[in-house]
């Protein structure tokens, strides 16, 4: 054990005499460690860990147009149930901005001006397909998608 301590003392003396080399070595090792941690975090997030959805290995994404361009017309009229042997639960959404009135962000003070919030229009099956559960209230039901029914919204804790 005393040989190990004498080697450690000799290494510390050597690093003290060449402090520039010691500083560069510490910076290089720190940078390499940071890069290794970053790479492993990305690999874990995108390759090793599955998405936080039930049956995530069975989710597929279809895009009908490149980002920023309009998709083909008439997709709302397609009867996706005819593809039930291929598609178990068709899920679609369209991002939109909604305006909320009376929900001021300053404590209990209600706002007289509309506040814009991000949201999405979703199709039946969206809630079940992504395994969304509510903390309070209920999720969307089949009757909520009828055009004659009153508007319904599912809001998040953050909102």
Foldseek 3Di string as FASTA:
>chain_A
DVVVVVVVVVVVVVCVVVVVVVVVVVVVVVVVVVVVVVVVVVCCVPPPDADPFVPSVPDDDDDQDPPPDDGDPDPVVDDCVVVCVPDVADKDKDKDKDWDFQDDPPPNGTDRDTDIDIDIDMDPRHCVRRVDDDPDDHDDDPVQPDPPDDHDDDDDPVD
